[in-house]
Amino acid sequence: MELSEIARRAMSIHDLYDRLNAAQRGRTWTRQDFVLGFTGDVGDLAKLAQAADGIRPVPAGRDLGHELADCLWSVVVIAELYGVDLEAAFVTTMAQLEESINGQ
């Protein structure tokens, strides 16, 4: 699946969450709410990575693949909400990192 398709799918789920949150809570998430939610997802990812390495018990109901996908969804949604062309930013950043690493 290409990034553009991932972004379309991510925003489709975002729209579903907006409708659910509006109906259940009377408000939708702001961009800041998504960033804060992402930090929680990263914390969950860290716990699952530790569990995969035998450092802590495996939390019930989640797996590493699910949490990585959840984090990817958050990153894609945040990029869309802030108007960031994630694909272009990724390509540029990887080129800069490659140049930096090769220069050392």
PDB file of N, CA and C in Angstrom:
ATOM      1  N   MET A   1       0.850  -1.174   0.000  1.00  0.00           N
ATOM      2  CA  MET A   1       0.000   0.000   0.000  1.00  0.00           C
ATOM      3  C   MET A   1       0.897   1.239   0.000  1.00  0.00           C
ATOM      4  N   GLU A   2       0.617   2.160  -0.867  1.00  0.00           N
ATOM      5  CA  GLU A   2       1.395   3.401  -0.965  1.00  0.00           C
ATOM      6  C   GLU A   2       0.976   4.373   0.128  1.00  0.00           C
ATOM      7  N   LEU A   3       1.853   5.324   0.411  1.00  0.00           N
ATOM      8  CA  LEU A   3       1.589   6.284   1.475  1.00  0.00           C
ATOM      9  C   LEU A   3       0.310   7.071   1.222  1.00  0.00           C
ATOM     10  N   SER A   4       0.039   7.426  -0.027  1.00  0.00           N
ATOM     11  CA  SER A   4      -1.176   8.183  -0.323  1.00  0.00           C
ATOM     12  C   SER A   4      -2.423   7.376   0.029  1.00  0.00           C
ATOM     13  N   GLU A   5      -2.384   6.075  -0.212  1.00  0.00           N
ATOM     14  CA  GLU A   5      -3.513   5.214   0.151  1.00  0.00           C
ATOM     15  C   GLU A   5      -3.597   5.058   1.668  1.00  0.00           C
ATOM     16  N   ILE A   6      -2.452   4.953   2.323  1.00  0.00           N
ATOM     17  CA  ILE A   6      -2.432   4.877   3.787  1.00  0.00           C
ATOM     18  C   ILE A   6      -3.043   6.151   4.367  1.00  0.00           C
ATOM     19  N   ALA A   7      -2.684   7.300   3.803  1.00  0.00           N
ATOM     20  CA  ALA A   7      -3.220   8.580   4.284  1.00  0.00           C
ATOM     21  C   ALA A   7      -4.730   8.643   4.084  1.00  0.00           C
ATOM     22  N   ARG A   8      -5.212   8.198   2.922  1.00  0.00           N
ATOM     23  CA  ARG A   8      -6.668   8.197   2.686  1.00  0.00           C
ATOM     24  C   ARG A   8      -7.384   7.307   3.697  1.00  0.00           C
ATOM     25  N   ARG A   9      -6.835   6.130   3.937  1.00  0.00           N
ATOM     26  CA  ARG A   9      -7.438   5.194   4.895  1.00  0.00           C
ATOM     27  C   ARG A   9      -7.381   5.762   6.313  1.00  0.00           C
ATOM     28  N   ALA A  10      -6.245   6.346   6.677  1.00  0.00           N
ATOM     29  CA  ALA A  10      -6.098   6.933   8.013  1.00  0.00           C
ATOM     30  C   ALA A  10      -7.109   8.050   8.235  1.00  0.00           C
ATOM     31  N   MET A  11      -7.294   8.898   7.234  1.00  0.00           N
ATOM     32  CA  MET A  11      -8.237  10.003   7.393  1.00  0.00           C
ATOM     33  C   MET A  11      -9.685   9.517   7.386  1.00  0.00           C
ATOM     34  N   SER A  12      -9.941   8.416   6.732  1.00  0.00           N
ATOM     35  CA  SER A  12     -11.276   7.815   6.773  1.00  0.00           C
ATOM     36  C   SER A  12     -11.591   7.353   8.200  1.00  0.00           C
ATOM     37  N   ILE A  13     -10.631   6.724   8.848  1.00  0.00           N
ATOM     38  CA  ILE A  13     -10.811   6.302  10.246  1.00  0.00           C
ATOM     39  C   ILE A  13     -10.898   7.530  11.138  1.00  0.00           C
ATOM     40  N   HIS A  14     -10.095   8.549  10.855  1.00  0.00           N
ATOM     41  CA  HIS A  14     -10.165   9.811  11.607  1.00  0.00           C
ATOM     42  C   HIS A  14     -11.578  10.379  11.550  1.00  0.00           C
ATOM     43  N   ASP A  15     -12.176  10.382  10.371  1.00  0.00           N
ATOM     44  CA  ASP A  15     -13.536  10.898  10.217  1.00  0.00           C
ATOM     45  C   ASP A  15     -14.537  10.079  11.031  1.00  0.00           C
ATOM     46  N   LEU A  16     -14.353   8.760  11.059  1.00  0.00           N
ATOM     47  CA  LEU A  16     -15.225   7.920  11.880  1.00  0.00           C
ATOM     48  C   LEU A  16     -15.084   8.270  13.361  1.00  0.00           C
ATOM     49  N   TYR A  17     -13.845   8.464  13.812  1.00  0.00           N
ATOM     50  CA  TYR A  17     -13.620   8.873  15.208  1.00  0.00           C
ATOM     51  C   TYR A  17     -14.251  10.231  15.489  1.00  0.00           C
ATOM     52  N   ASP A  18     -14.169  11.160  14.535  1.00  0.00           N
ATOM     53  CA  ASP A  18     -14.799  12.471  14.732  1.00  0.00           C
ATOM     54  C   ASP A  18     -16.298  12.318  14.967  1.00  0.00           C
ATOM     55  N   ARG A  19     -16.937  11.503  14.150  1.00  0.00           N
ATOM     56  CA  ARG A  19     -18.391  11.301  14.313  1.00  0.00           C
ATOM     57  C   ARG A  19     -18.701  10.634  15.655  1.00  0.00           C
ATOM     58  N   LEU A  20     -17.918   9.632  16.015  1.00  0.00           N
ATOM     59  CA  LEU A  20     -18.126   8.935  17.286  1.00  0.00           C
ATOM     60  C   LEU A  20     -17.923   9.873  18.471  1.00  0.00           C
ATOM     61  N   ASN A  21     -16.821  10.614  18.464  1.00  0.00           N
ATOM     62  CA  ASN A  21     -16.532  11.535  19.569  1.00  0.00           C
ATOM     63  C   ASN A  21     -17.577  12.645  19.664  1.00  0.00           C
ATOM     64  N   ALA A  22     -18.023  13.159  18.535  1.00  0.00           N
ATOM     65  CA  ALA A  22     -19.055  14.200  18.544  1.00  0.00           C
ATOM     66  C   ALA A  22     -20.345  13.660  19.151  1.00  0.00           C
ATOM     67  N   ALA A  23     -20.701  12.434  18.787  1.00  0.00           N
ATOM     68  CA  ALA A  23     -21.934  11.836  19.298  1.00  0.00           C
ATOM     69  C   ALA A  23     -21.820  11.478  20.773  1.00  0.00           C
ATOM     70  N   GLN A  24     -20.682  10.922  21.191  1.00  0.00           N
ATOM     71  CA  GLN A  24     -20.536  10.448  22.566  1.00  0.00           C
ATOM     72  C   GLN A  24     -20.073  11.514  23.547  1.00  0.00           C
ATOM     73  N   ARG A  25     -19.248  12.443  23.073  1.00  0.00           N
ATOM     74  CA  ARG A  25     -18.635  13.409  23.986  1.00  0.00           C
ATOM     75  C   ARG A  25     -18.973  14.857  23.664  1.00  0.00           C
ATOM     76  N   GLY A  26     -19.635  15.075  22.547  1.00  0.00           N
ATOM     77  CA  GLY A  26     -20.013  16.427  22.169  1.00  0.00           C
ATOM     78  C   GLY A  26     -18.879  17.263  21.615  1.00  0.00           C
ATOM     79  N   ARG A  27     -17.753  16.628  21.300  1.00  0.00           N
ATOM     80  CA  ARG A  27     -16.618  17.338  20.714  1.00  0.00           C
ATOM     81  C   ARG A  27     -15.729  16.356  19.979  1.00  0.00           C
ATOM     82  N   THR A  28     -14.952  16.896  19.062  1.00  0.00           N
ATOM     83  CA  THR A  28     -13.974  16.088  18.350  1.00  0.00           C
ATOM     84  C   THR A  28     -12.586  16.427  18.870  1.00  0.00           C
ATOM     85  N   TRP A  29     -11.633  15.590  18.506  1.00  0.00           N
ATOM     86  CA  TRP A  29     -10.263  15.831  18.943  1.00  0.00           C
ATOM     87  C   TRP A  29      -9.634  16.960  18.139  1.00  0.00           C
ATOM     88  N   THR A  30      -8.863  17.784  18.835  1.00  0.00           N
ATOM     89  CA  THR A  30      -8.077  18.827  18.180  1.00  0.00           C
ATOM     90  C   THR A  30      -6.754  18.228  17.717  1.00  0.00           C
ATOM     91  N   ARG A  31      -5.998  19.028  16.992  1.00  0.00           N
ATOM     92  CA  ARG A  31      -4.661  18.569  16.592  1.00  0.00           C
ATOM     93  C   ARG A  31      -3.824  18.249  17.821  1.00  0.00           C
ATOM     94  N   GLN A  32      -3.915  19.092  18.839  1.00  0.00           N
ATOM     95  CA  GLN A  32      -3.149  18.851  20.067  1.00  0.00           C
ATOM     96  C   GLN A  32      -3.580  17.556  20.748  1.00  0.00           C
ATOM     97  N   ASP A  33      -4.887  17.261  20.723  1.00  0.00           N
ATOM     98  CA  ASP A  33      -5.365  16.000  21.291  1.00  0.00           C
ATOM     99  C   ASP A  33      -4.722  14.808  20.586  1.00  0.00           C
ATOM    100  N   PHE A  34      -4.598  14.904  19.243  1.00  0.00           N
ATOM    101  CA  PHE A  34      -3.966  13.815  18.507  1.00  0.00           C
ATOM    102  C   PHE A  34      -2.497  13.662  18.878  1.00  0.00           C
ATOM    103  N   VAL A  35      -1.803  14.763  19.057  1.00  0.00           N
ATOM    104  CA  VAL A  35      -0.386  14.682  19.452  1.00  0.00           C
ATOM    105  C   VAL A  35      -0.265  14.053  20.843  1.00  0.00           C
ATOM    106  N   LEU A  36      -1.125  14.458  21.764  1.00  0.00           N
ATOM    107  CA  LEU A  36      -1.101  13.854  23.101  1.00  0.00           C
ATOM    108  C   LEU A  36      -1.460  12.374  23.041  1.00  0.00           C
ATOM    109  N   GLY A  37      -2.448  12.021  22.220  1.00  0.00           N
ATOM    110  CA  GLY A  37      -2.805  10.616  22.050  1.00  0.00           C
ATOM    111  C   GLY A  37      -1.647   9.811  21.492  1.00  0.00           C
ATOM    112  N   PHE A  38      -0.905  10.415  20.573  1.00  0.00           N
ATOM    113  CA  PHE A  38       0.258   9.753  19.991  1.00  0.00           C
ATOM    114  C   PHE A  38       1.306   9.460  21.057  1.00  0.00           C
ATOM    115  N   THR A  39       1.518  10.378  21.978  1.00  0.00           N
ATOM    116  CA  THR A  39       2.510  10.127  23.030  1.00  0.00           C
ATOM    117  C   THR A  39       2.088   8.926  23.876  1.00  0.00           C
ATOM    118  N   GLY A  40       0.781   8.780  24.100  1.00  0.00           N
ATOM    119  CA  GLY A  40       0.295   7.596  24.812  1.00  0.00           C
ATOM    120  C   GLY A  40       0.550   6.329  24.007  1.00  0.00           C
ATOM    121  N   ASP A  41       0.328   6.399  22.695  1.00  0.00           N
ATOM    122  CA  ASP A  41       0.592   5.248  21.825  1.00  0.00           C
ATOM    123  C   ASP A  41       2.067   4.864  21.855  1.00  0.00           C
ATOM    124  N   VAL A  42       2.940   5.857  21.857  1.00  0.00           N
ATOM    125  CA  VAL A  42       4.383   5.583  21.902  1.00  0.00           C
ATOM    126  C   VAL A  42       4.741   4.910  23.233  1.00  0.00           C
ATOM    127  N   GLY A  43       4.110   5.351  24.320  1.00  0.00           N
ATOM    128  CA  GLY A  43       4.327   4.696  25.614  1.00  0.00           C
ATOM    129  C   GLY A  43       3.897   3.237  25.578  1.00  0.00           C
ATOM    130  N   ASP A  44       2.729   2.974  24.960  1.00  0.00           N
ATOM    131  CA  ASP A  44       2.266   1.590  24.814  1.00  0.00           C
ATOM    132  C   ASP A  44       3.230   0.780  23.968  1.00  0.00           C
ATOM    133  N   LEU A  45       3.752   1.392  22.904  1.00  0.00           N
ATOM    134  CA  LEU A  45       4.728   0.728  22.047  1.00  0.00           C
ATOM    135  C   LEU A  45       5.987   0.367  22.832  1.00  0.00           C
ATOM    136  N   ALA A  46       6.447   1.289  23.666  1.00  0.00           N
ATOM    137  CA  ALA A  46       7.639   1.028  24.475  1.00  0.00           C
ATOM    138  C   ALA A  46       7.416  -0.161  25.409  1.00  0.00           C
ATOM    139  N   LYS A  47       6.249  -0.229  26.021  1.00  0.00           N
ATOM    140  CA  LYS A  47       5.934  -1.350  26.925  1.00  0.00           C
ATOM    141  C   LYS A  47       5.903  -2.669  26.162  1.00  0.00           C
ATOM    142  N   LEU A  48       5.319  -2.657  24.963  1.00  0.00           N
ATOM    143  CA  LEU A  48       5.260  -3.880  24.166  1.00  0.00           C
ATOM    144  C   LEU A  48       6.645  -4.296  23.674  1.00  0.00           C
ATOM    145  N   ALA A  49       7.491  -3.324  23.339  1.00  0.00           N
ATOM    146  CA  ALA A  49       8.862  -3.643  22.932  1.00  0.00           C
ATOM    147  C   ALA A  49       9.617  -4.262  24.109  1.00  0.00           C
ATOM    148  N   GLN A  50       9.416  -3.710  25.305  1.00  0.00           N
ATOM    149  CA  GLN A  50      10.044  -4.296  26.491  1.00  0.00           C
ATOM    150  C   GLN A  50       9.525  -5.712  26.739  1.00  0.00           C
ATOM    151  N   ALA A  51       8.228  -5.910  26.534  1.00  0.00           N
ATOM    152  CA  ALA A  51       7.658  -7.248  26.703  1.00  0.00           C
ATOM    153  C   ALA A  51       8.260  -8.214  25.688  1.00  0.00           C
ATOM    154  N   ALA A  52       8.438  -7.765  24.448  1.00  0.00           N
ATOM    155  CA  ALA A  52       9.023  -8.614  23.404  1.00  0.00           C
ATOM    156  C   ALA A  52      10.458  -8.993  23.740  1.00  0.00           C
ATOM    157  N   ASP A  53      11.146  -8.137  24.502  1.00  0.00           N
ATOM    158  CA  ASP A  53      12.520  -8.407  24.911  1.00  0.00           C
ATOM    159  C   ASP A  53      12.609  -9.078  26.273  1.00  0.00           C
ATOM    160  N   GLY A  54      11.444  -9.447  26.849  1.00  0.00           N
ATOM    161  CA  GLY A  54      11.419 -10.164  28.115  1.00  0.00           C
ATOM    162  C   GLY A  54      11.662  -9.306  29.342  1.00  0.00           C
ATOM    163  N   ILE A  55      11.568  -7.995  29.201  1.00  0.00           N
ATOM    164  CA  ILE A  55      11.839  -7.084  30.314  1.00  0.00           C
ATOM    165  C   ILE A  55      10.616  -6.909  31.204  1.00  0.00           C
ATOM    166  N   ARG A  56       9.428  -7.036  30.619  1.00  0.00           N
ATOM    167  CA  ARG A  56       8.196  -6.875  31.380  1.00  0.00           C
ATOM    168  C   ARG A  56       7.165  -7.857  30.833  1.00  0.00           C
ATOM    169  N   PRO A  57       6.093  -8.096  31.599  1.00  0.00           N
ATOM    170  CA  PRO A  57       5.066  -9.017  31.097  1.00  0.00           C
ATOM    171  C   PRO A  57       4.341  -8.447  29.877  1.00  0.00           C
ATOM    172  N   VAL A  58       3.836  -9.331  29.059  1.00  0.00           N
ATOM    173  CA  VAL A  58       3.104  -8.923  27.860  1.00  0.00           C
ATOM    174  C   VAL A  58       1.729  -8.394  28.283  1.00  0.00           C
ATOM    175  N   PRO A  59       1.402  -7.147  27.914  1.00  0.00           N
ATOM    176  CA  PRO A  59       0.075  -6.617  28.247  1.00  0.00           C
ATOM    177  C   PRO A  59      -1.014  -7.377  27.484  1.00  0.00           C
ATOM    178  N   ALA A  60      -2.134  -7.586  28.124  1.00  0.00           N
ATOM    179  CA  ALA A  60      -3.236  -8.316  27.495  1.00  0.00           C
ATOM    180  C   ALA A  60      -3.887  -7.483  26.398  1.00  0.00           C
ATOM    181  N   GLY A  61      -4.244  -8.146  25.325  1.00  0.00           N
ATOM    182  CA  GLY A  61      -5.055  -7.523  24.297  1.00  0.00           C
ATOM    183  C   GLY A  61      -4.340  -6.691  23.247  1.00  0.00           C
ATOM    184  N   ARG A  62      -3.057  -6.515  23.345  1.00  0.00           N
ATOM    185  CA  ARG A  62      -2.320  -5.722  22.349  1.00  0.00           C
ATOM    186  C   ARG A  62      -1.103  -6.507  21.897  1.00  0.00           C
ATOM    187  N   ASP A  63      -0.693  -6.248  20.672  1.00  0.00           N
ATOM    188  CA  ASP A  63       0.558  -6.827  20.205  1.00  0.00           C
ATOM    189  C   ASP A  63       1.388  -5.737  19.531  1.00  0.00           C
ATOM    190  N   LEU A  64       2.634  -6.041  19.301  1.00  0.00           N
ATOM    191  CA  LEU A  64       3.581  -5.064  18.779  1.00  0.00           C
ATOM    192  C   LEU A  64       3.141  -4.547  17.408  1.00  0.00           C
ATOM    193  N   GLY A  65       2.697  -5.425  16.546  1.00  0.00           N
ATOM    194  CA  GLY A  65       2.248  -4.996  15.216  1.00  0.00           C
ATOM    195  C   GLY A  65       1.074  -4.036  15.291  1.00  0.00           C
ATOM    196  N   HIS A  66       0.124  -4.344  16.170  1.00  0.00           N
ATOM    197  CA  HIS A  66      -1.039  -3.463  16.338  1.00  0.00           C
ATOM    198  C   HIS A  66      -0.589  -2.080  16.805  1.00  0.00           C
ATOM    199  N   GLU A  67       0.306  -2.038  17.771  1.00  0.00           N
ATOM    200  CA  GLU A  67       0.726  -0.750  18.321  1.00  0.00           C
ATOM    201  C   GLU A  67       1.559   0.035  17.326  1.00  0.00           C
ATOM    202  N   LEU A  68       2.402  -0.642  16.550  1.00  0.00           N
ATOM    203  CA  LEU A  68       3.148   0.051  15.498  1.00  0.00           C
ATOM    204  C   LEU A  68       2.187   0.652  14.471  1.00  0.00           C
ATOM    205  N   ALA A  69       1.164  -0.108  14.097  1.00  0.00           N
ATOM    206  CA  ALA A  69       0.173   0.404  13.152  1.00  0.00           C
ATOM    207  C   ALA A  69      -0.589   1.580  13.750  1.00  0.00           C
ATOM    208  N   ASP A  70      -0.905   1.504  15.038  1.00  0.00           N
ATOM    209  CA  ASP A  70      -1.580   2.601  15.729  1.00  0.00           C
ATOM    210  C   ASP A  70      -0.720   3.866  15.710  1.00  0.00           C
ATOM    211  N   CYS A  71       0.580   3.697  15.969  1.00  0.00           N
ATOM    212  CA  CYS A  71       1.499   4.848  15.938  1.00  0.00           C
ATOM    213  C   CYS A  71       1.604   5.419  14.525  1.00  0.00           C
ATOM    214  N   LEU A  72       1.685   4.540  13.524  1.00  0.00           N
ATOM    215  CA  LEU A  72       1.736   5.008  12.142  1.00  0.00           C
ATOM    216  C   LEU A  72       0.477   5.795  11.801  1.00  0.00           C
ATOM    217  N   TRP A  73      -0.677   5.284  12.217  1.00  0.00           N
ATOM    218  CA  TRP A  73      -1.945   5.988  11.981  1.00  0.00           C
ATOM    219  C   TRP A  73      -1.887   7.381  12.592  1.00  0.00           C
ATOM    220  N   SER A  74      -1.409   7.475  13.826  1.00  0.00           N
ATOM    221  CA  SER A  74      -1.328   8.775  14.489  1.00  0.00           C
ATOM    222  C   SER A  74      -0.409   9.732  13.738  1.00  0.00           C
ATOM    223  N   VAL A  75       0.749   9.253  13.319  1.00  0.00           N
ATOM    224  CA  VAL A  75       1.699  10.100  12.591  1.00  0.00           C
ATOM    225  C   VAL A  75       1.081  10.594  11.291  1.00  0.00           C
ATOM    226  N   VAL A  76       0.418   9.710  10.566  1.00  0.00           N
ATOM    227  CA  VAL A  76      -0.197  10.096   9.296  1.00  0.00           C
ATOM    228  C   VAL A  76      -1.299  11.128   9.525  1.00  0.00           C
ATOM    229  N   VAL A  77      -2.141  10.901  10.519  1.00  0.00           N
ATOM    230  CA  VAL A  77      -3.230  11.841  10.810  1.00  0.00           C
ATOM    231  C   VAL A  77      -2.660  13.195  11.241  1.00  0.00           C
ATOM    232  N   ILE A  78      -1.675  13.188  12.110  1.00  0.00           N
ATOM    233  CA  ILE A  78      -1.074  14.448  12.568  1.00  0.00           C
ATOM    234  C   ILE A  78      -0.478  15.205  11.380  1.00  0.00           C
ATOM    235  N   ALA A  79       0.215  14.498  10.506  1.00  0.00           N
ATOM    236  CA  ALA A  79       0.776  15.149   9.312  1.00  0.00           C
ATOM    237  C   ALA A  79      -0.331  15.772   8.471  1.00  0.00           C
ATOM    238  N   GLU A  80      -1.397  15.051   8.254  1.00  0.00           N
ATOM    239  CA  GLU A  80      -2.516  15.572   7.467  1.00  0.00           C
ATOM    240  C   GLU A  80      -3.135  16.790   8.143  1.00  0.00           C
ATOM    241  N   LEU A  81      -3.334  16.722   9.455  1.00  0.00           N
ATOM    242  CA  LEU A  81      -3.969  17.828  10.179  1.00  0.00           C
ATOM    243  C   LEU A  81      -3.118  19.095  10.167  1.00  0.00           C
ATOM    244  N   TYR A  82      -1.796  18.926  10.102  1.00  0.00           N
ATOM    245  CA  TYR A  82      -0.900  20.089  10.073  1.00  0.00           C
ATOM    246  C   TYR A  82      -0.469  20.458   8.649  1.00  0.00           C
ATOM    247  N   GLY A  83      -1.004  19.767   7.653  1.00  0.00           N
ATOM    248  CA  GLY A  83      -0.685  20.098   6.268  1.00  0.00           C
ATOM    249  C   GLY A  83       0.731  19.730   5.853  1.00  0.00           C
ATOM    250  N   VAL A  84       1.297  18.709   6.469  1.00  0.00           N
ATOM    251  CA  VAL A  84       2.653  18.267   6.136  1.00  0.00           C
ATOM    252  C   VAL A  84       2.574  17.182   5.071  1.00  0.00           C
ATOM    253  N   ASP A  85       3.321  17.361   3.989  1.00  0.00           N
ATOM    254  CA  ASP A  85       3.443  16.315   2.971  1.00  0.00           C
ATOM    255  C   ASP A  85       4.437  15.299   3.521  1.00  0.00           C
ATOM    256  N   LEU A  86       3.897  14.271   4.164  1.00  0.00           N
ATOM    257  CA  LEU A  86       4.730  13.310   4.881  1.00  0.00           C
ATOM    258  C   LEU A  86       5.671  12.556   3.950  1.00  0.00           C
ATOM    259  N   GLU A  87       5.182  12.208   2.782  1.00  0.00           N
ATOM    260  CA  GLU A  87       6.039  11.490   1.840  1.00  0.00           C
ATOM    261  C   GLU A  87       7.237  12.345   1.431  1.00  0.00           C
ATOM    262  N   ALA A  88       7.001  13.600   1.093  1.00  0.00           N
ATOM    263  CA  ALA A  88       8.098  14.498   0.705  1.00  0.00           C
ATOM    264  C   ALA A  88       9.040  14.737   1.880  1.00  0.00           C
ATOM    265  N   ALA A  89       8.472  14.922   3.069  1.00  0.00           N
ATOM    266  CA  ALA A  89       9.311  15.140   4.255  1.00  0.00           C
ATOM    267  C   ALA A  89      10.164  13.916   4.550  1.00  0.00           C
ATOM    268  N   PHE A  90       9.587  12.729   4.370  1.00  0.00           N
ATOM    269  CA  PHE A  90      10.334  11.502   4.612  1.00  0.00           C
ATOM    270  C   PHE A  90      11.495  11.368   3.629  1.00  0.00           C
ATOM    271  N   VAL A  91      11.207  11.577   2.349  1.00  0.00           N
ATOM    272  CA  VAL A  91      12.245  11.458   1.318  1.00  0.00           C
ATOM    273  C   VAL A  91      13.374  12.456   1.587  1.00  0.00           C
ATOM    274  N   THR A  92      13.015  13.691   1.889  1.00  0.00           N
ATOM    275  CA  THR A  92      14.012  14.727   2.166  1.00  0.00           C
ATOM    276  C   THR A  92      14.837  14.376   3.407  1.00  0.00           C
ATOM    277  N   THR A  93      14.159  13.960   4.458  1.00  0.00           N
ATOM    278  CA  THR A  93      14.855  13.633   5.711  1.00  0.00           C
ATOM    279  C   THR A  93      15.796  12.452   5.530  1.00  0.00           C
ATOM    280  N   MET A  94      15.360  11.419   4.811  1.00  0.00           N
ATOM    281  CA  MET A  94      16.218  10.251   4.593  1.00  0.00           C
ATOM    282  C   MET A  94      17.447  10.627   3.764  1.00  0.00           C
ATOM    283  N   ALA A  95      17.261  11.493   2.780  1.00  0.00           N
ATOM    284  CA  ALA A  95      18.400  11.952   1.974  1.00  0.00           C
ATOM    285  C   ALA A  95      19.383  12.736   2.838  1.00  0.00           C
ATOM    286  N   GLN A  96      18.856  13.591   3.713  1.00  0.00           N
ATOM    287  CA  GLN A  96      19.718  14.360   4.609  1.00  0.00           C
ATOM    288  C   GLN A  96      20.464  13.439   5.570  1.00  0.00           C
ATOM    289  N   LEU A  97      19.776  12.450   6.120  1.00  0.00           N
ATOM    290  CA  LEU A  97      20.432  11.504   7.026  1.00  0.00           C
ATOM    291  C   LEU A  97      21.502  10.700   6.315  1.00  0.00           C
ATOM    292  N   GLU A  98      21.182  10.234   5.103  1.00  0.00           N
ATOM    293  CA  GLU A  98      22.163   9.487   4.331  1.00  0.00           C
ATOM    294  C   GLU A  98      23.413  10.323   4.065  1.00  0.00           C
ATOM    295  N   GLU A  99      23.205  11.571   3.667  1.00  0.00           N
ATOM    296  CA  GLU A  99      24.331  12.466   3.405  1.00  0.00           C
ATOM    297  C   GLU A  99      25.148  12.698   4.673  1.00  0.00           C
ATOM    298  N   SER A 100      24.461  12.894   5.777  1.00  0.00           N
ATOM    299  CA  SER A 100      25.141  13.138   7.055  1.00  0.00           C
ATOM    300  C   SER A 100      25.960  11.908   7.486  1.00  0.00           C
ATOM    301  N   ILE A 101      25.351  10.736   7.380  1.00  0.00           N
ATOM    302  CA  ILE A 101      26.032   9.500   7.787  1.00  0.00           C
ATOM    303  C   ILE A 101      27.227   9.227   6.863  1.00  0.00           C
ATOM    304  N   ASN A 102      27.031   9.375   5.575  1.00  0.00           N
ATOM    305  CA  ASN A 102      28.124   9.146   4.633  1.00  0.00           C
ATOM    306  C   ASN A 102      29.246  10.159   4.806  1.00  0.00           C
ATOM    307  N   GLY A 103      28.918  11.346   5.288  1.00  0.00           N
ATOM    308  CA  GLY A 103      29.929  12.382   5.507  1.00  0.00           C
ATOM    309  C   GLY A 103      30.784  12.116   6.728  1.00  0.00           C
ATOM    310  N   GLN A 104      30.362  11.189   7.547  1.00  0.00           N
ATOM    311  CA  GLN A 104      31.119  10.897   8.766  1.00  0.00           C
ATOM    312  C   GLN A 104      31.951   9.669   8.526  1.00  0.00           C
TER     313      GLN A 104
END
